[in-house]
Amino acid sequence: MAGSSHGHTPAAWTGVTIAFIGFCAAGAFMVLANPAGFWASMGVVVLGGVVGWVMKGMGLGQAKDAGKPLRTSDAARAES
């Protein structure tokens, strides 16, 4: 996995950051016994996924085939 660029895009970083903030807030609201805050925070988690998906659609994500490893025949052609 070290050779791939899996997740190293603005869309991935933004989506994961928003979702992480939502998870942290949801945990805090769970400890505070506040169901409304918990569910609102879970909405933020979903929002993170939507934002990442939209950003990928805008061209800020990784192309679907960008992380595919080369076949041996492709690698031989690339070297020559």
C-alpha atoms as a PDB file:
ATOM      1  CA  MET A   1       0.000   0.000   0.000  1.00  0.00           C
ATOM      2  CA  ALA A   2       2.939   2.326   0.469  1.00  0.00           C
ATOM      3  CA  GLY A   3       3.350   2.760  -3.278  1.00  0.00           C
ATOM      4  CA  SER A   4      -0.198   3.996  -3.850  1.00  0.00           C
ATOM      5  CA  SER A   5      -1.609   7.445  -3.274  1.00  0.00           C
ATOM      6  CA  HIS A   6      -4.832   6.132  -1.743  1.00  0.00           C
ATOM      7  CA  GLY A   7      -6.663   8.964  -0.007  1.00  0.00           C
ATOM      8  CA  HIS A   8      -4.112  11.694  -0.600  1.00  0.00           C
ATOM      9  CA  THR A   9      -6.547  14.129  -2.217  1.00  0.00           C
ATOM     10  CA  PRO A  10      -8.322  17.290  -1.071  1.00  0.00           C
ATOM     11  CA  ALA A  11     -11.666  15.474  -1.318  1.00  0.00           C
ATOM     12  CA  ALA A  12     -10.513  12.651   0.957  1.00  0.00           C
ATOM     13  CA  TRP A  13      -8.886  14.928   3.518  1.00  0.00           C
ATOM     14  CA  THR A  14     -11.895  17.250   3.698  1.00  0.00           C
ATOM     15  CA  GLY A  15     -14.456  14.463   3.951  1.00  0.00           C
ATOM     16  CA  VAL A  16     -12.534  12.588   6.623  1.00  0.00           C
ATOM     17  CA  THR A  17     -11.876  15.757   8.636  1.00  0.00           C
ATOM     18  CA  ILE A  18     -15.566  16.674   8.684  1.00  0.00           C
ATOM     19  CA  ALA A  19     -16.556  13.116   9.603  1.00  0.00           C
ATOM     20  CA  PHE A  20     -13.914  13.002  12.358  1.00  0.00           C
ATOM     21  CA  ILE A  21     -15.252  16.211  13.898  1.00  0.00           C
ATOM     22  CA  GLY A  22     -18.746  14.725  13.765  1.00  0.00           C
ATOM     23  CA  PHE A  23     -17.617  11.514  15.481  1.00  0.00           C
ATOM     24  CA  CYS A  24     -15.846  13.463  18.226  1.00  0.00           C
ATOM     25  CA  ALA A  25     -18.896  15.634  18.836  1.00  0.00           C
ATOM     26  CA  ALA A  26     -21.170  12.569  18.826  1.00  0.00           C
ATOM     27  CA  GLY A  27     -18.983  10.944  21.464  1.00  0.00           C
ATOM     28  CA  ALA A  28     -19.135  14.038  23.628  1.00  0.00           C
ATOM     29  CA  PHE A  29     -22.913  14.257  23.300  1.00  0.00           C
ATOM     30  CA  MET A  30     -23.206  10.549  24.134  1.00  0.00           C
ATOM     31  CA  VAL A  31     -21.309  11.089  27.384  1.00  0.00           C
ATOM     32  CA  LEU A  32     -23.445  14.163  28.124  1.00  0.00           C
ATOM     33  CA  ALA A  33     -26.618  12.090  27.536  1.00  0.00           C
ATOM     34  CA  ASN A  34     -27.876  14.484  24.876  1.00  0.00           C
ATOM     35  CA  PRO A  35     -29.634  12.446  22.133  1.00  0.00           C
ATOM     36  CA  ALA A  36     -30.457  15.488  19.977  1.00  0.00           C
ATOM     37  CA  GLY A  37     -26.808  16.568  19.910  1.00  0.00           C
ATOM     38  CA  PHE A  38     -25.713  13.004  19.196  1.00  0.00           C
ATOM     39  CA  TRP A  39     -27.990  12.680  16.169  1.00  0.00           C
ATOM     40  CA  ALA A  40     -27.075  16.136  14.910  1.00  0.00           C
ATOM     41  CA  SER A  41     -23.414  15.105  15.106  1.00  0.00           C
ATOM     42  CA  MET A  42     -24.166  11.916  13.201  1.00  0.00           C
ATOM     43  CA  GLY A  43     -25.658  14.178  10.534  1.00  0.00           C
ATOM     44  CA  VAL A  44     -22.295  15.953  10.401  1.00  0.00           C
ATOM     45  CA  VAL A  45     -20.638  12.571   9.827  1.00  0.00           C
ATOM     46  CA  VAL A  46     -22.938  11.925   6.860  1.00  0.00           C
ATOM     47  CA  LEU A  47     -22.270  15.468   5.643  1.00  0.00           C
ATOM     48  CA  GLY A  48     -18.545  14.646   5.558  1.00  0.00           C
ATOM     49  CA  GLY A  49     -19.219  11.771   3.171  1.00  0.00           C
ATOM     50  CA  VAL A  50     -21.423  13.924   0.965  1.00  0.00           C
ATOM     51  CA  VAL A  51     -18.845  16.732   0.846  1.00  0.00           C
ATOM     52  CA  GLY A  52     -16.084  14.271  -0.087  1.00  0.00           C
ATOM     53  CA  TRP A  53     -18.256  12.746  -2.816  1.00  0.00           C
ATOM     54  CA  VAL A  54     -19.170  16.155  -4.258  1.00  0.00           C
ATOM     55  CA  MET A  55     -15.536  17.283  -4.205  1.00  0.00           C
ATOM     56  CA  LYS A  56     -14.519  14.096  -5.997  1.00  0.00           C
ATOM     57  CA  GLY A  57     -17.161  14.856  -8.607  1.00  0.00           C
ATOM     58  CA  MET A  58     -15.634  18.312  -9.009  1.00  0.00           C
ATOM     59  CA  GLY A  59     -12.293  16.719  -9.892  1.00  0.00           C
ATOM     60  CA  LEU A  60     -10.570  17.065  -6.518  1.00  0.00           C
ATOM     61  CA  GLY A  61     -10.490  13.317  -5.839  1.00  0.00           C
ATOM     62  CA  GLN A  62      -8.504  10.426  -7.184  1.00  0.00           C
ATOM     63  CA  ALA A  63      -9.487   8.848 -10.507  1.00  0.00           C
ATOM     64  CA  LYS A  64     -10.962   5.370 -10.226  1.00  0.00           C
ATOM     65  CA  ASP A  65      -8.086   3.644 -12.037  1.00  0.00           C
ATOM     66  CA  ALA A  66      -5.252   5.828 -10.678  1.00  0.00           C
ATOM     67  CA  GLY A  67      -4.300   3.368  -7.930  1.00  0.00           C
ATOM     68  CA  LYS A  68      -4.261   0.239 -10.080  1.00  0.00           C
ATOM     69  CA  PRO A  69      -0.923  -1.556 -10.132  1.00  0.00           C
ATOM     70  CA  LEU A  70       0.686  -2.083 -13.510  1.00  0.00           C
ATOM     71  CA  ARG A  71       0.617  -5.575 -14.995  1.00  0.00           C
ATOM     72  CA  THR A  72       3.994  -7.096 -15.723  1.00  0.00           C
ATOM     73  CA  SER A  73       3.541  -6.604 -19.478  1.00  0.00           C
ATOM     74  CA  ASP A  74       2.675  -2.928 -18.917  1.00  0.00           C
ATOM     75  CA  ALA A  75       5.693  -2.484 -16.645  1.00  0.00           C
ATOM     76  CA  ALA A  76       8.004  -4.009 -19.275  1.00  0.00           C
ATOM     77  CA  ARG A  77       6.645  -1.640 -21.921  1.00  0.00           C
ATOM     78  CA  ALA A  78       7.004   1.351 -19.595  1.00  0.00           C
ATOM     79  CA  GLU A  79      10.677   0.584 -18.955  1.00  0.00           C
ATOM     80  CA  SER A  80      11.605   0.301 -22.618  1.00  0.00           C
END
